[in-house]
Amino acid sequence: MSIGMADKIAIFQLNDRVAPRFDQCPELVMATIDDAGAVQEKKVLSIVTLKPQEVVNLLNRLQVKAVICGGVKEQGQKDLERYNIRLVDNVIGNVDHVLALYIQGKLKSGNTEAFEG
C-alpha cells in the first residue's frame, strides 16, 4: 500500500471506535494524509440521515481513496469497488490507533492488530 499526496481516508466511527457496520453508522472520520504520512486534516462528518448508496456517492465526490470499517454488506463492497475505493473491513479498534496502523502500512482486512484493550 502506498499513500499518495493528500490521500483521503474514511473511517466509519461509533464512540471513537471503528463502527461494526458500514450501513448502521452515525458518522465517519475523514483524514487527509500527506506523502510523509502526516495527517494534514481530520474531521468528523455526520452520515446519520444518509442511505448506504448515498454514503458511497459522498465518498466518491470527496475523492476518498480508502474506507476502513467493521463490516459491509456485499452491495456496499461492490459500490466501493465501482469507484475504486479500497476497502479495509473486519477492523476493530480505536479510530486514532487504526488510522496510525493504516498510515504505517500495517492495517489489513481482518487484522486483529488493530484491537487494543
PDB file of N, CA and C in Angstrom:
ATOM      1  N   MET A   1       0.830  -1.175   0.000  1.00  0.00           N
ATOM      2  CA  MET A   1       0.000   0.000   0.000  1.00  0.00           C
ATOM      3  C   MET A   1       0.876   1.239   0.000  1.00  0.00           C
ATOM      4  N   SER A   2       0.577   2.152  -0.870  1.00  0.00           N
ATOM      5  CA  SER A   2       1.313   3.407  -0.856  1.00  0.00           C
ATOM      6  C   SER A   2       0.325   4.545  -0.691  1.00  0.00           C
ATOM      7  N   ILE A   3       0.698   5.463   0.139  1.00  0.00           N
ATOM      8  CA  ILE A   3      -0.133   6.623   0.384  1.00  0.00           C
ATOM      9  C   ILE A   3       0.411   7.754  -0.473  1.00  0.00           C
ATOM     10  N   GLY A   4      -0.476   8.378  -1.240  1.00  0.00           N
ATOM     11  CA  GLY A   4      -0.064   9.482  -2.095  1.00  0.00           C
ATOM     12  C   GLY A   4      -0.398  10.819  -1.455  1.00  0.00           C
ATOM     13  N   MET A   5       0.075  11.877  -2.075  1.00  0.00           N
ATOM     14  CA  MET A   5      -0.142  13.212  -1.539  1.00  0.00           C
ATOM     15  C   MET A   5      -1.630  13.499  -1.370  1.00  0.00           C
ATOM     16  N   ALA A   6      -1.995  13.928  -0.198  1.00  0.00           N
ATOM     17  CA  ALA A   6      -3.355  14.335   0.136  1.00  0.00           C
ATOM     18  C   ALA A   6      -4.376  13.226  -0.099  1.00  0.00           C
ATOM     19  N   ASP A   7      -4.002  11.970   0.160  1.00  0.00           N
ATOM     20  CA  ASP A   7      -4.965  10.880   0.100  1.00  0.00           C
ATOM     21  C   ASP A   7      -5.976  11.047   1.222  1.00  0.00           C
ATOM     22  N   LYS A   8      -7.234  10.790   0.900  1.00  0.00           N
ATOM     23  CA  LYS A   8      -8.295  10.889   1.894  1.00  0.00           C
ATOM     24  C   LYS A   8      -8.731   9.488   2.305  1.00  0.00           C
ATOM     25  N   ILE A   9      -8.792   9.293   3.612  1.00  0.00           N
ATOM     26  CA  ILE A   9      -9.185   8.014   4.196  1.00  0.00           C
ATOM     27  C   ILE A   9     -10.444   8.258   5.012  1.00  0.00           C
ATOM     28  N   ALA A  10     -11.442   7.391   4.874  1.00  0.00           N
ATOM     29  CA  ALA A  10     -12.671   7.491   5.661  1.00  0.00           C
ATOM     30  C   ALA A  10     -12.745   6.306   6.612  1.00  0.00           C
ATOM     31  N   ILE A  11     -12.942   6.606   7.887  1.00  0.00           N
ATOM     32  CA  ILE A  11     -13.101   5.566   8.902  1.00  0.00           C
ATOM     33  C   ILE A  11     -14.489   5.714   9.490  1.00  0.00           C
ATOM     34  N   PHE A  12     -15.296   4.670   9.389  1.00  0.00           N
ATOM     35  CA  PHE A  12     -16.640   4.699   9.948  1.00  0.00           C
ATOM     36  C   PHE A  12     -16.531   4.559  11.458  1.00  0.00           C
ATOM     37  N   GLN A  13     -17.141   5.499  12.174  1.00  0.00           N
ATOM     38  CA  GLN A  13     -16.891   5.655  13.602  1.00  0.00           C
ATOM     39  C   GLN A  13     -18.167   5.555  14.440  1.00  0.00           C
ATOM     40  N   LEU A  14     -18.027   4.910  15.599  1.00  0.00           N
ATOM     41  CA  LEU A  14     -19.065   4.865  16.614  1.00  0.00           C
ATOM     42  C   LEU A  14     -18.375   4.972  17.961  1.00  0.00           C
ATOM     43  N   ASN A  15     -18.609   6.049  18.688  1.00  0.00           N
ATOM     44  CA  ASN A  15     -17.996   6.267  20.009  1.00  0.00           C
ATOM     45  C   ASN A  15     -16.472   6.171  19.974  1.00  0.00           C
ATOM     46  N   ASP A  16     -15.846   6.852  19.029  1.00  0.00           N
ATOM     47  CA  ASP A  16     -14.388   6.913  18.868  1.00  0.00           C
ATOM     48  C   ASP A  16     -13.737   5.583  18.512  1.00  0.00           C
ATOM     49  N   ARG A  17     -14.549   4.613  18.109  1.00  0.00           N
ATOM     50  CA  ARG A  17     -14.037   3.306  17.687  1.00  0.00           C
ATOM     51  C   ARG A  17     -14.536   3.033  16.270  1.00  0.00           C
ATOM     52  N   VAL A  18     -13.886   2.098  15.592  1.00  0.00           N
ATOM     53  CA  VAL A  18     -14.340   1.714  14.262  1.00  0.00           C
ATOM     54  C   VAL A  18     -15.735   1.103  14.410  1.00  0.00           C
ATOM     55  N   ALA A  19     -16.674   1.608  13.641  1.00  0.00           N
ATOM     56  CA  ALA A  19     -18.061   1.134  13.717  1.00  0.00           C
ATOM     57  C   ALA A  19     -18.149  -0.299  13.213  1.00  0.00           C
ATOM     58  N   PRO A  20     -18.969  -1.120  13.878  1.00  0.00           N
ATOM     59  CA  PRO A  20     -19.094  -2.509  13.449  1.00  0.00           C
ATOM     60  C   PRO A  20     -19.787  -2.680  12.101  1.00  0.00           C
ATOM     61  N   ARG A  21     -20.624  -1.709  11.704  1.00  0.00           N
ATOM     62  CA  ARG A  21     -21.361  -1.835  10.452  1.00  0.00           C
ATOM     63  C   ARG A  21     -21.292  -0.552   9.642  1.00  0.00           C
ATOM     64  N   PHE A  22     -20.938  -0.681   8.395  1.00  0.00           N
ATOM     65  CA  PHE A  22     -20.883   0.425   7.423  1.00  0.00           C
ATOM     66  C   PHE A  22     -22.254   1.073   7.273  1.00  0.00           C
ATOM     67  N   ASP A  23     -23.307   0.260   7.210  1.00  0.00           N
ATOM     68  CA  ASP A  23     -24.650   0.752   6.899  1.00  0.00           C
ATOM     69  C   ASP A  23     -25.454   1.194   8.120  1.00  0.00           C
ATOM     70  N   GLN A  24     -24.886   1.067   9.321  1.00  0.00           N
ATOM     71  CA  GLN A  24     -25.594   1.480  10.528  1.00  0.00           C
ATOM     72  C   GLN A  24     -24.688   2.358  11.386  1.00  0.00           C
ATOM     73  N   CYS A  25     -24.106   3.329  10.766  1.00  0.00           N
ATOM     74  CA  CYS A  25     -23.092   4.148  11.412  1.00  0.00           C
ATOM     75  C   CYS A  25     -23.511   5.616  11.369  1.00  0.00           C
ATOM     76  N   PRO A  26     -23.399   6.336  12.479  1.00  0.00           N
ATOM     77  CA  PRO A  26     -23.838   7.731  12.507  1.00  0.00           C
ATOM     78  C   PRO A  26     -22.836   8.736  11.920  1.00  0.00           C
ATOM     79  N   GLU A  27     -21.558   8.364  11.854  1.00  0.00           N
ATOM     80  CA  GLU A  27     -20.564   9.341  11.401  1.00  0.00           C
ATOM     81  C   GLU A  27     -19.314   8.655  10.872  1.00  0.00           C
ATOM     82  N   LEU A  28     -18.548   9.448  10.147  1.00  0.00           N
ATOM     83  CA  LEU A  28     -17.263   8.938   9.692  1.00  0.00           C
ATOM     84  C   LEU A  28     -16.200   9.991   9.929  1.00  0.00           C
ATOM     85  N   VAL A  29     -14.986   9.510  10.103  1.00  0.00           N
ATOM     86  CA  VAL A  29     -13.831  10.382  10.266  1.00  0.00           C
ATOM     87  C   VAL A  29     -13.131  10.454   8.918  1.00  0.00           C
ATOM     88  N   MET A  30     -12.951  11.663   8.428  1.00  0.00           N
ATOM     89  CA  MET A  30     -12.262  11.879   7.164  1.00  0.00           C
ATOM     90  C   MET A  30     -10.868  12.418   7.487  1.00  0.00           C
ATOM     91  N   ALA A  31      -9.853  11.666   7.086  1.00  0.00           N
ATOM     92  CA  ALA A  31      -8.469  12.084   7.337  1.00  0.00           C
ATOM     93  C   ALA A  31      -7.764  12.278   6.003  1.00  0.00           C
ATOM     94  N   THR A  32      -7.063  13.388   5.878  1.00  0.00           N
ATOM     95  CA  THR A  32      -6.259  13.661   4.703  1.00  0.00           C
ATOM     96  C   THR A  32      -4.803  13.449   5.097  1.00  0.00           C
ATOM     97  N   ILE A  33      -4.123  12.558   4.357  1.00  0.00           N
ATOM     98  CA  ILE A  33      -2.757  12.144   4.674  1.00  0.00           C
ATOM     99  C   ILE A  33      -1.804  12.673   3.605  1.00  0.00           C
ATOM    100  N   ASP A  34      -0.672  13.247   4.028  1.00  0.00           N
ATOM    101  CA  ASP A  34       0.308  13.732   3.048  1.00  0.00           C
ATOM    102  C   ASP A  34       1.329  12.643   2.724  1.00  0.00           C
ATOM    103  N   ASP A  35       2.243  12.944   1.809  1.00  0.00           N
ATOM    104  CA  ASP A  35       3.250  11.967   1.361  1.00  0.00           C
ATOM    105  C   ASP A  35       4.132  11.454   2.492  1.00  0.00           C
ATOM    106  N   ALA A  36       4.333  12.268   3.494  1.00  0.00           N
ATOM    107  CA  ALA A  36       5.185  11.881   4.623  1.00  0.00           C
ATOM    108  C   ALA A  36       4.429  11.034   5.644  1.00  0.00           C
ATOM    109  N   GLY A  37       3.126  10.820   5.406  1.00  0.00           N
ATOM    110  CA  GLY A  37       2.336  10.031   6.339  1.00  0.00           C
ATOM    111  C   GLY A  37       1.773  10.835   7.500  1.00  0.00           C
ATOM    112  N   ALA A  38       1.805  12.139   7.362  1.00  0.00           N
ATOM    113  CA  ALA A  38       1.252  13.009   8.413  1.00  0.00           C
ATOM    114  C   ALA A  38      -0.207  13.328   8.096  1.00  0.00           C
ATOM    115  N   VAL A  39      -1.014  13.417   9.138  1.00  0.00           N
ATOM    116  CA  VAL A  39      -2.414  13.781   8.974  1.00  0.00           C
ATOM    117  C   VAL A  39      -2.485  15.297   8.798  1.00  0.00           C
ATOM    118  N   GLN A  40      -2.865  15.735   7.603  1.00  0.00           N
ATOM    119  CA  GLN A  40      -2.988  17.161   7.313  1.00  0.00           C
ATOM    120  C   GLN A  40      -4.286  17.724   7.877  1.00  0.00           C
ATOM    121  N   GLU A  41      -5.343  16.930   7.787  1.00  0.00           N
ATOM    122  CA  GLU A  41      -6.657  17.382   8.235  1.00  0.00           C
ATOM    123  C   GLU A  41      -7.455  16.172   8.699  1.00  0.00           C
ATOM    124  N   LYS A  42      -8.237  16.373   9.735  1.00  0.00           N
ATOM    125  CA  LYS A  42      -9.095  15.306  10.232  1.00  0.00           C
ATOM    126  C   LYS A  42     -10.403  15.941  10.685  1.00  0.00           C
ATOM    127  N   LYS A  43     -11.514  15.440  10.139  1.00  0.00           N
ATOM    128  CA  LYS A  43     -12.808  15.981  10.538  1.00  0.00           C
ATOM    129  C   LYS A  43     -13.837  14.858  10.596  1.00  0.00           C
ATOM    130  N   VAL A  44     -14.892  15.110  11.359  1.00  0.00           N
ATOM    131  CA  VAL A  44     -15.972  14.143  11.522  1.00  0.00           C
ATOM    132  C   VAL A  44     -17.171  14.626  10.707  1.00  0.00           C
ATOM    133  N   LEU A  45     -17.714  13.723   9.894  1.00  0.00           N
ATOM    134  CA  LEU A  45     -18.884  14.034   9.086  1.00  0.00           C
ATOM    135  C   LEU A  45     -20.065  13.197   9.557  1.00  0.00           C
ATOM    136  N   SER A  46     -21.191  13.824   9.785  1.00  0.00           N
ATOM    137  CA  SER A  46     -22.404  13.102  10.158  1.00  0.00           C
ATOM    138  C   SER A  46     -23.017  12.481   8.905  1.00  0.00           C
ATOM    139  N   ILE A  47     -23.310  11.187   8.986  1.00  0.00           N
ATOM    140  CA  ILE A  47     -23.947  10.495   7.864  1.00  0.00           C
ATOM    141  C   ILE A  47     -25.221   9.794   8.325  1.00  0.00           C
ATOM    142  N   VAL A  48     -25.722  10.201   9.478  1.00  0.00           N
ATOM    143  CA  VAL A  48     -26.844   9.513  10.110  1.00  0.00           C
ATOM    144  C   VAL A  48     -28.092   9.488   9.228  1.00  0.00           C
ATOM    145  N   THR A  49     -28.306  10.489   8.384  1.00  0.00           N
ATOM    146  CA  THR A  49     -29.511  10.548   7.553  1.00  0.00           C
ATOM    147  C   THR A  49     -29.307   9.950   6.161  1.00  0.00           C
ATOM    148  N   LEU A  50     -28.088   9.509   5.855  1.00  0.00           N
ATOM    149  CA  LEU A  50     -27.795   9.002   4.511  1.00  0.00           C
ATOM    150  C   LEU A  50     -27.992   7.491   4.407  1.00  0.00           C
ATOM    151  N   LYS A  51     -28.496   7.074   3.257  1.00  0.00           N
ATOM    152  CA  LYS A  51     -28.595   5.646   2.945  1.00  0.00           C
ATOM    153  C   LYS A  51     -27.211   5.177   2.494  1.00  0.00           C
ATOM    154  N   PRO A  52     -26.941   3.853   2.572  1.00  0.00           N
ATOM    155  CA  PRO A  52     -25.607   3.361   2.186  1.00  0.00           C
ATOM    156  C   PRO A  52     -25.142   3.827   0.807  1.00  0.00           C
ATOM    157  N   GLN A  53     -26.013   3.811  -0.196  1.00  0.00           N
ATOM    158  CA  GLN A  53     -25.606   4.252  -1.536  1.00  0.00           C
ATOM    159  C   GLN A  53     -25.261   5.736  -1.536  1.00  0.00           C
ATOM    160  N   GLU A  54     -25.975   6.532  -0.771  1.00  0.00           N
ATOM    161  CA  GLU A  54     -25.679   7.962  -0.678  1.00  0.00           C
ATOM    162  C   GLU A  54     -24.319   8.188  -0.011  1.00  0.00           C
ATOM    163  N   VAL A  55     -23.987   7.344   0.957  1.00  0.00           N
ATOM    164  CA  VAL A  55     -22.684   7.440   1.617  1.00  0.00           C
ATOM    165  C   VAL A  55     -21.572   7.148   0.611  1.00  0.00           C
ATOM    166  N   VAL A  56     -21.747   6.097  -0.176  1.00  0.00           N
ATOM    167  CA  VAL A  56     -20.739   5.747  -1.182  1.00  0.00           C
ATOM    168  C   VAL A  56     -20.598   6.872  -2.202  1.00  0.00           C
ATOM    169  N   ASN A  57     -21.700   7.461  -2.624  1.00  0.00           N
ATOM    170  CA  ASN A  57     -21.643   8.588  -3.567  1.00  0.00           C
ATOM    171  C   ASN A  57     -20.894   9.768  -2.954  1.00  0.00           C
ATOM    172  N   LEU A  58     -21.140  10.032  -1.669  1.00  0.00           N
ATOM    173  CA  LEU A  58     -20.431  11.097  -0.963  1.00  0.00           C
ATOM    174  C   LEU A  58     -18.928  10.818  -0.936  1.00  0.00           C
ATOM    175  N   LEU A  59     -18.564   9.593  -0.611  1.00  0.00           N
ATOM    176  CA  LEU A  59     -17.146   9.217  -0.577  1.00  0.00           C
ATOM    177  C   LEU A  59     -16.496   9.434  -1.933  1.00  0.00           C
ATOM    178  N   ASN A  60     -17.198   9.095  -2.987  1.00  0.00           N
ATOM    179  CA  ASN A  60     -16.670   9.298  -4.334  1.00  0.00           C
ATOM    180  C   ASN A  60     -16.492  10.795  -4.621  1.00  0.00           C
ATOM    181  N   ARG A  61     -17.485  11.611  -4.290  1.00  0.00           N
ATOM    182  CA  ARG A  61     -17.391  13.060  -4.522  1.00  0.00           C
ATOM    183  C   ARG A  61     -16.234  13.684  -3.738  1.00  0.00           C
ATOM    184  N   LEU A  62     -15.986  13.144  -2.540  1.00  0.00           N
ATOM    185  CA  LEU A  62     -14.902  13.661  -1.704  1.00  0.00           C
ATOM    186  C   LEU A  62     -13.534  13.100  -2.102  1.00  0.00           C
ATOM    187  N   GLN A  63     -13.512  12.221  -3.097  1.00  0.00           N
ATOM    188  CA  GLN A  63     -12.291  11.601  -3.623  1.00  0.00           C
ATOM    189  C   GLN A  63     -11.552  10.779  -2.566  1.00  0.00           C
ATOM    190  N   VAL A  64     -12.328  10.012  -1.807  1.00  0.00           N
ATOM    191  CA  VAL A  64     -11.763   9.117  -0.799  1.00  0.00           C
ATOM    192  C   VAL A  64     -11.062   7.961  -1.505  1.00  0.00           C
ATOM    193  N   LYS A  65      -9.860   7.623  -1.021  1.00  0.00           N
ATOM    194  CA  LYS A  65      -9.078   6.528  -1.610  1.00  0.00           C
ATOM    195  C   LYS A  65      -9.293   5.202  -0.883  1.00  0.00           C
ATOM    196  N   ALA A  66      -9.623   5.265   0.422  1.00  0.00           N
ATOM    197  CA  ALA A  66      -9.787   4.036   1.202  1.00  0.00           C
ATOM    198  C   ALA A  66     -10.837   4.234   2.280  1.00  0.00           C
ATOM    199  N   VAL A  67     -11.542   3.146   2.586  1.00  0.00           N
ATOM    200  CA  VAL A  67     -12.554   3.108   3.640  1.00  0.00           C
ATOM    201  C   VAL A  67     -12.155   2.038   4.635  1.00  0.00           C
ATOM    202  N   ILE A  68     -12.256   2.376   5.916  1.00  0.00           N
ATOM    203  CA  ILE A  68     -11.980   1.430   6.992  1.00  0.00           C
ATOM    204  C   ILE A  68     -13.255   1.285   7.805  1.00  0.00           C
ATOM    205  N   CYS A  69     -13.681   0.034   8.010  1.00  0.00           N
ATOM    206  CA  CYS A  69     -14.903  -0.204   8.773  1.00  0.00           C
ATOM    207  C   CYS A  69     -14.882  -1.606   9.373  1.00  0.00           C
ATOM    208  N   GLY A  70     -15.892  -1.884  10.173  1.00  0.00           N
ATOM    209  CA  GLY A  70     -16.031  -3.210  10.746  1.00  0.00           C
ATOM    210  C   GLY A  70     -16.542  -4.184   9.691  1.00  0.00           C
ATOM    211  N   GLY A  71     -17.776  -3.973   9.262  1.00  0.00           N
ATOM    212  CA  GLY A  71     -18.368  -4.855   8.270  1.00  0.00           C
ATOM    213  C   GLY A  71     -19.147  -4.074   7.236  1.00  0.00           C
ATOM    214  N   VAL A  72     -19.270  -4.668   6.062  1.00  0.00           N
ATOM    215  CA  VAL A  72     -20.021  -4.043   4.970  1.00  0.00           C
ATOM    216  C   VAL A  72     -20.677  -5.146   4.152  1.00  0.00           C
ATOM    217  N   LYS A  73     -21.933  -4.929   3.804  1.00  0.00           N
ATOM    218  CA  LYS A  73     -22.661  -5.915   3.001  1.00  0.00           C
ATOM    219  C   LYS A  73     -22.076  -5.979   1.599  1.00  0.00           C
ATOM    220  N   GLU A  74     -22.410  -7.066   0.897  1.00  0.00           N
ATOM    221  CA  GLU A  74     -21.864  -7.301  -0.441  1.00  0.00           C
ATOM    222  C   GLU A  74     -22.147  -6.145  -1.400  1.00  0.00           C
ATOM    223  N   GLN A  75     -23.352  -5.576  -1.343  1.00  0.00           N
ATOM    224  CA  GLN A  75     -23.676  -4.466  -2.246  1.00  0.00           C
ATOM    225  C   GLN A  75     -22.782  -3.261  -1.969  1.00  0.00           C
ATOM    226  N   GLY A  76     -22.523  -2.983  -0.703  1.00  0.00           N
ATOM    227  CA  GLY A  76     -21.628  -1.885  -0.344  1.00  0.00           C
ATOM    228  C   GLY A  76     -20.226  -2.112  -0.878  1.00  0.00           C
ATOM    229  N   GLN A  77     -19.764  -3.361  -0.799  1.00  0.00           N
ATOM    230  CA  GLN A  77     -18.442  -3.700  -1.324  1.00  0.00           C
ATOM    231  C   GLN A  77     -18.375  -3.427  -2.831  1.00  0.00           C
ATOM    232  N   LYS A  78     -19.429  -3.832  -3.536  1.00  0.00           N
ATOM    233  CA  LYS A  78     -19.473  -3.625  -4.987  1.00  0.00           C
ATOM    234  C   LYS A  78     -19.512  -2.140  -5.329  1.00  0.00           C
ATOM    235  N   ASP A  79     -20.280  -1.374  -4.544  1.00  0.00           N
ATOM    236  CA  ASP A  79     -20.378   0.064  -4.798  1.00  0.00           C
ATOM    237  C   ASP A  79     -19.026   0.748  -4.602  1.00  0.00           C
ATOM    238  N   LEU A  80     -18.318   0.389  -3.548  1.00  0.00           N
ATOM    239  CA  LEU A  80     -16.987   0.963  -3.310  1.00  0.00           C
ATOM    240  C   LEU A  80     -16.020   0.575  -4.428  1.00  0.00           C
ATOM    241  N   GLU A  81     -16.089  -0.685  -4.829  1.00  0.00           N
ATOM    242  CA  GLU A  81     -15.216  -1.180  -5.892  1.00  0.00           C
ATOM    243  C   GLU A  81     -15.457  -0.430  -7.202  1.00  0.00           C
ATOM    244  N   ARG A  82     -16.718  -0.127  -7.484  1.00  0.00           N
ATOM    245  CA  ARG A  82     -17.064   0.588  -8.719  1.00  0.00           C
ATOM    246  C   ARG A  82     -16.354   1.942  -8.787  1.00  0.00           C
ATOM    247  N   TYR A  83     -16.149   2.581  -7.646  1.00  0.00           N
ATOM    248  CA  TYR A  83     -15.466   3.875  -7.600  1.00  0.00           C
ATOM    249  C   TYR A  83     -13.977   3.742  -7.268  1.00  0.00           C
ATOM    250  N   ASN A  84     -13.466   2.517  -7.300  1.00  0.00           N
ATOM    251  CA  ASN A  84     -12.051   2.259  -7.000  1.00  0.00           C
ATOM    252  C   ASN A  84     -11.643   2.750  -5.614  1.00  0.00           C
ATOM    253  N   ILE A  85     -12.542   2.579  -4.644  1.00  0.00           N
ATOM    254  CA  ILE A  85     -12.243   2.930  -3.262  1.00  0.00           C
ATOM    255  C   ILE A  85     -11.828   1.653  -2.549  1.00  0.00           C
ATOM    256  N   ARG A  86     -10.631   1.656  -2.017  1.00  0.00           N
ATOM    257  CA  ARG A  86     -10.089   0.480  -1.323  1.00  0.00           C
ATOM    258  C   ARG A  86     -10.862   0.247  -0.028  1.00  0.00           C
ATOM    259  N   LEU A  87     -11.225  -1.002   0.230  1.00  0.00           N
ATOM    260  CA  LEU A  87     -11.961  -1.363   1.435  1.00  0.00           C
ATOM    261  C   LEU A  87     -11.070  -2.154   2.378  1.00  0.00           C
ATOM    262  N   VAL A  88     -10.972  -1.693   3.605  1.00  0.00           N
ATOM    263  CA  VAL A  88     -10.294  -2.428   4.665  1.00  0.00           C
ATOM    264  C   VAL A  88     -11.373  -2.685   5.719  1.00  0.00           C
ATOM    265  N   ASP A  89     -11.901  -3.920   5.731  1.00  0.00           N
ATOM    266  CA  ASP A  89     -13.006  -4.231   6.629  1.00  0.00           C
ATOM    267  C   ASP A  89     -12.612  -5.273   7.671  1.00  0.00           C
ATOM    268  N   ASN A  90     -13.575  -5.610   8.508  1.00  0.00           N
ATOM    269  CA  ASN A  90     -13.339  -6.524   9.637  1.00  0.00           C
ATOM    270  C   ASN A  90     -12.262  -5.972  10.564  1.00  0.00           C
ATOM    271  N   VAL A  91     -12.321  -4.663  10.791  1.00  0.00           N
ATOM    272  CA  VAL A  91     -11.360  -3.990  11.652  1.00  0.00           C
ATOM    273  C   VAL A  91     -12.051  -3.578  12.946  1.00  0.00           C
ATOM    274  N   ILE A  92     -11.364  -3.785  14.050  1.00  0.00           N
ATOM    275  CA  ILE A  92     -11.856  -3.393  15.371  1.00  0.00           C
ATOM    276  C   ILE A  92     -10.785  -2.512  15.996  1.00  0.00           C
ATOM    277  N   GLY A  93     -11.206  -1.454  16.692  1.00  0.00           N
ATOM    278  CA  GLY A  93     -10.232  -0.673  17.432  1.00  0.00           C
ATOM    279  C   GLY A  93     -10.559   0.801  17.514  1.00  0.00           C
ATOM    280  N   ASN A  94      -9.750   1.504  18.259  1.00  0.00           N
ATOM    281  CA  ASN A  94      -9.842   2.949  18.401  1.00  0.00           C
ATOM    282  C   ASN A  94      -9.484   3.592  17.065  1.00  0.00           C
ATOM    283  N   VAL A  95     -10.249   4.598  16.671  1.00  0.00           N
ATOM    284  CA  VAL A  95     -10.060   5.231  15.364  1.00  0.00           C
ATOM    285  C   VAL A  95      -8.644   5.770  15.176  1.00  0.00           C
ATOM    286  N   ASP A  96      -8.106   6.468  16.159  1.00  0.00           N
ATOM    287  CA  ASP A  96      -6.761   7.033  16.009  1.00  0.00           C
ATOM    288  C   ASP A  96      -5.698   5.945  15.876  1.00  0.00           C
ATOM    289  N   HIS A  97      -5.850   4.868  16.644  1.00  0.00           N
ATOM    290  CA  HIS A  97      -4.896   3.749  16.574  1.00  0.00           C
ATOM    291  C   HIS A  97      -4.973   3.072  15.203  1.00  0.00           C
ATOM    292  N   VAL A  98      -6.186   2.845  14.720  1.00  0.00           N
ATOM    293  CA  VAL A  98      -6.392   2.210  13.414  1.00  0.00           C
ATOM    294  C   VAL A  98      -5.823   3.088  12.302  1.00  0.00           C
ATOM    295  N   LEU A  99      -6.053   4.395  12.381  1.00  0.00           N
ATOM    296  CA  LEU A  99      -5.509   5.307  11.377  1.00  0.00           C
ATOM    297  C   LEU A  99      -3.982   5.264  11.369  1.00  0.00           C
ATOM    298  N   ALA A 100      -3.380   5.230  12.543  1.00  0.00           N
ATOM    299  CA  ALA A 100      -1.913   5.149  12.630  1.00  0.00           C
ATOM    300  C   ALA A 100      -1.401   3.862  11.990  1.00  0.00           C
ATOM    301  N   LEU A 101      -2.081   2.739  12.247  1.00  0.00           N
ATOM    302  CA  LEU A 101      -1.681   1.467  11.627  1.00  0.00           C
ATOM    303  C   LEU A 101      -1.815   1.532  10.110  1.00  0.00           C
ATOM    304  N   TYR A 102      -2.871   2.164   9.625  1.00  0.00           N
ATOM    305  CA  TYR A 102      -3.064   2.301   8.178  1.00  0.00           C
ATOM    306  C   TYR A 102      -1.920   3.103   7.556  1.00  0.00           C
ATOM    307  N   ILE A 103      -1.595   4.217   8.170  1.00  0.00           N
ATOM    308  CA  ILE A 103      -0.520   5.077   7.652  1.00  0.00           C
ATOM    309  C   ILE A 103       0.815   4.326   7.629  1.00  0.00           C
ATOM    310  N   GLN A 104       1.042   3.477   8.629  1.00  0.00           N
ATOM    311  CA  GLN A 104       2.281   2.687   8.699  1.00  0.00           C
ATOM    312  C   GLN A 104       2.268   1.507   7.729  1.00  0.00           C
ATOM    313  N   GLY A 105       1.139   1.271   7.064  1.00  0.00           N
ATOM    314  CA  GLY A 105       1.019   0.147   6.136  1.00  0.00           C
ATOM    315  C   GLY A 105       0.816  -1.180   6.833  1.00  0.00           C
ATOM    316  N   LYS A 106       0.374  -1.155   8.089  1.00  0.00           N
ATOM    317  CA  LYS A 106       0.219  -2.373   8.882  1.00  0.00           C
ATOM    318  C   LYS A 106      -1.230  -2.836   9.023  1.00  0.00           C
ATOM    319  N   LEU A 107      -2.176  -2.116   8.447  1.00  0.00           N
ATOM    320  CA  LEU A 107      -3.583  -2.464   8.614  1.00  0.00           C
ATOM    321  C   LEU A 107      -4.089  -3.217   7.397  1.00  0.00           C
ATOM    322  N   LYS A 108      -4.683  -4.381   7.644  1.00  0.00           N
ATOM    323  CA  LYS A 108      -5.270  -5.200   6.587  1.00  0.00           C
ATOM    324  C   LYS A 108      -6.652  -5.629   7.034  1.00  0.00           C
ATOM    325  N   SER A 109      -7.487  -6.019   6.088  1.00  0.00           N
ATOM    326  CA  SER A 109      -8.803  -6.529   6.444  1.00  0.00           C
ATOM    327  C   SER A 109      -8.669  -7.705   7.409  1.00  0.00           C
ATOM    328  N   GLY A 110      -9.476  -7.666   8.470  1.00  0.00           N
ATOM    329  CA  GLY A 110      -9.457  -8.739   9.459  1.00  0.00           C
ATOM    330  C   GLY A 110      -8.263  -8.699  10.378  1.00  0.00           C
ATOM    331  N   ASN A 111      -7.493  -7.623  10.339  1.00  0.00           N
ATOM    332  CA  ASN A 111      -6.266  -7.506  11.120  1.00  0.00           C
ATOM    333  C   ASN A 111      -6.596  -7.326  12.601  1.00  0.00           C
ATOM    334  N   THR A 112      -6.288  -8.321  13.407  1.00  0.00           N
ATOM    335  CA  THR A 112      -6.550  -8.234  14.848  1.00  0.00           C
ATOM    336  C   THR A 112      -5.552  -7.319  15.546  1.00  0.00           C
ATOM    337  N   GLU A 113      -4.515  -6.913  14.847  1.00  0.00           N
ATOM    338  CA  GLU A 113      -3.517  -5.996  15.411  1.00  0.00           C
ATOM    339  C   GLU A 113      -4.156  -4.642  15.758  1.00  0.00           C
ATOM    340  N   ALA A 114      -5.260  -4.322  15.120  1.00  0.00           N
ATOM    341  CA  ALA A 114      -5.918  -3.035  15.366  1.00  0.00           C
ATOM    342  C   ALA A 114      -6.632  -3.029  16.706  1.00  0.00           C
ATOM    343  N   PHE A 115      -6.879  -4.206  17.257  1.00  0.00           N
ATOM    344  CA  PHE A 115      -7.604  -4.274  18.528  1.00  0.00           C
ATOM    345  C   PHE A 115      -6.671  -3.914  19.666  1.00  0.00           C
ATOM    346  N   GLU A 116      -7.147  -3.042  20.505  1.00  0.00           N
ATOM    347  CA  GLU A 116      -6.374  -2.713  21.711  1.00  0.00           C
ATOM    348  C   GLU A 116      -7.341  -2.642  22.880  1.00  0.00           C
ATOM    349  N   GLY A 117      -6.951  -3.287  23.961  1.00  0.00           N
ATOM    350  CA  GLY A 117      -7.724  -3.279  25.183  1.00  0.00           C
ATOM    351  C   GLY A 117      -9.039  -3.867  25.018  1.00  0.00           C
TER     352      GLY A 117
END
